[in-house]
Amino acid sequence: MAGKTPSRDNPQEKLFRELRSYAEQQCGIQVRCERLTREFGYSVRSGACMVNGKKWVIVDRALPARDRMDLLADEIKQTVDANREIPPRIRALLR
């Protein structure tokens, strides 16, 4: 099934991995990328939750890279301290 699996070399995929790494290492956010199952009778979506006092973000890996980046960027913005040094490349994604 060509086209179904995102290429790791795709520039947006690289940016997502960079953003994910920043979220996990600098913000203490646990990020899980999962294929979220959708079945008749209920719907699921990506989002954040607290587990044992730690912030987790569950990301549907079926989403386009831009949507995954936007979701993660929003969660980082809510978590990051205004005085924290943020690399320019990450800061650009948080706008």
Protein backbone atom coordinates (compact mmCIF):
# COMPACT_ATOMS: atom_id res chain seq x y z
CA MET A 1 0.00 0.00 0.00
CA ALA A 2 2.19 2.78 -1.26
CA GLY A 3 1.65 6.19 0.27
CA LYS A 4 0.09 4.91 3.50
CA THR A 5 3.23 4.98 5.66
CA PRO A 6 4.87 8.39 6.10
CA SER A 7 8.43 8.56 4.87
CA ARG A 8 10.97 9.19 7.62
CA ASP A 9 12.82 11.41 5.14
CA ASN A 10 9.84 13.70 4.64
CA PRO A 11 10.78 17.19 5.96
CA GLN A 12 7.55 17.46 7.97
CA GLU A 13 8.17 14.04 9.54
CA LYS A 14 11.64 15.21 10.58
CA LEU A 15 10.14 18.36 12.12
CA PHE A 16 7.57 16.29 13.99
CA ARG A 17 10.31 14.04 15.40
CA GLU A 18 12.29 17.13 16.46
CA LEU A 19 9.22 18.63 18.14
CA ARG A 20 8.45 15.31 19.84
CA SER A 21 12.01 15.05 21.14
CA TYR A 22 11.80 18.59 22.54
CA ALA A 23 8.45 17.85 24.21
CA GLU A 24 9.80 14.71 25.86
CA GLN A 25 13.26 15.91 26.84
CA GLN A 26 12.69 19.56 27.68
CA CYS A 27 9.03 19.74 28.72
CA GLY A 28 8.56 16.39 30.42
CA ILE A 29 5.65 15.46 28.15
CA GLN A 30 5.28 11.78 27.37
CA VAL A 31 4.32 11.39 23.70
CA ARG A 32 2.75 8.23 22.29
CA CYS A 33 2.08 7.83 18.59
CA GLU A 34 -0.54 5.15 18.07
CA ARG A 35 -2.93 4.04 15.38
CA LEU A 36 -6.20 5.05 17.04
CA THR A 37 -8.93 2.59 16.15
CA ARG A 38 -12.26 3.93 15.04
CA GLU A 39 -15.21 1.60 15.19
CA PHE A 40 -18.93 1.96 14.96
CA GLY A 41 -20.43 3.56 18.05
CA TYR A 42 -17.49 5.63 19.28
CA SER A 43 -14.86 7.97 18.01
CA VAL A 44 -11.37 8.63 19.25
CA ARG A 45 -9.02 11.50 18.69
CA SER A 46 -5.58 12.68 19.62
CA GLY A 47 -5.12 14.75 22.74
CA ALA A 48 -3.53 15.26 26.13
CA CYS A 49 -4.24 13.72 29.51
CA MET A 50 -2.62 13.42 32.92
CA VAL A 51 -1.40 10.02 34.11
CA ASN A 52 0.01 9.79 37.64
CA GLY A 53 0.76 13.52 37.62
CA LYS A 54 2.58 13.48 34.26
CA LYS A 55 1.30 14.99 31.05
CA TRP A 56 0.82 12.57 28.19
CA VAL A 57 -0.08 13.36 24.60
CA ILE A 58 -1.55 10.58 22.51
CA VAL A 59 -1.11 11.27 18.81
CA ASP A 60 -2.93 9.39 16.06
CA ARG A 61 -0.15 8.43 13.71
CA ALA A 62 -2.65 8.29 10.84
CA LEU A 63 -2.94 12.09 11.00
CA PRO A 64 -0.95 14.15 8.50
CA ALA A 65 2.41 15.36 9.87
CA ARG A 66 1.21 18.98 9.93
CA ASP A 67 -1.78 18.08 12.14
CA ARG A 68 0.43 16.05 14.48
CA MET A 69 2.86 18.97 14.74
CA ASP A 70 0.05 21.44 15.45
CA LEU A 71 -1.35 19.22 18.21
CA LEU A 72 2.03 18.77 19.86
CA ALA A 73 2.95 22.45 19.47
CA ASP A 74 -0.28 23.46 21.24
CA GLU A 75 0.52 21.17 24.17
CA ILE A 76 4.09 22.46 24.40
CA LYS A 77 2.85 26.07 24.43
CA GLN A 78 0.63 25.24 27.41
CA THR A 79 3.52 23.61 29.25
CA VAL A 80 6.63 25.63 28.48
CA ASP A 81 7.76 28.41 30.79
CA ALA A 82 7.91 31.83 29.08
CA ASN A 83 11.51 32.29 30.27
CA ARG A 84 12.75 28.96 28.94
CA GLU A 85 15.27 29.04 26.15
CA ILE A 86 13.64 27.52 23.08
CA PRO A 87 15.69 26.69 19.99
CA PRO A 88 14.69 28.94 17.05
CA ARG A 89 13.57 25.99 14.93
CA ILE A 90 11.20 24.81 17.68
CA ARG A 91 10.03 28.35 18.46
CA ALA A 92 8.98 28.75 14.80
CA LEU A 93 6.77 25.66 15.13
CA LEU A 94 5.09 27.01 18.27
CA ARG A 95 3.59 30.04 16.56
